[in-house]
């Protein structure tokens, strides 16, 4: 029922985030963050998502 309360732009953003996450292998939350930062330019989102996906996690100190 909470989904019904989202505005149309929010639903579109959610759908775009899901598609970006599915296509690039990043998380939905990461995709939403990229959309918030970059807007909806597909090429920019794909570029940054691929950079994010290929970034190595910080190593833990022994």
Foldseek 3Di string as FASTA:
>chain_A
DVVVPDDPVVVVLQVLLVVLCVVQVDDSVVSSVCCVVPPDDVVSSNVVSNVVVPDDDDDDDD
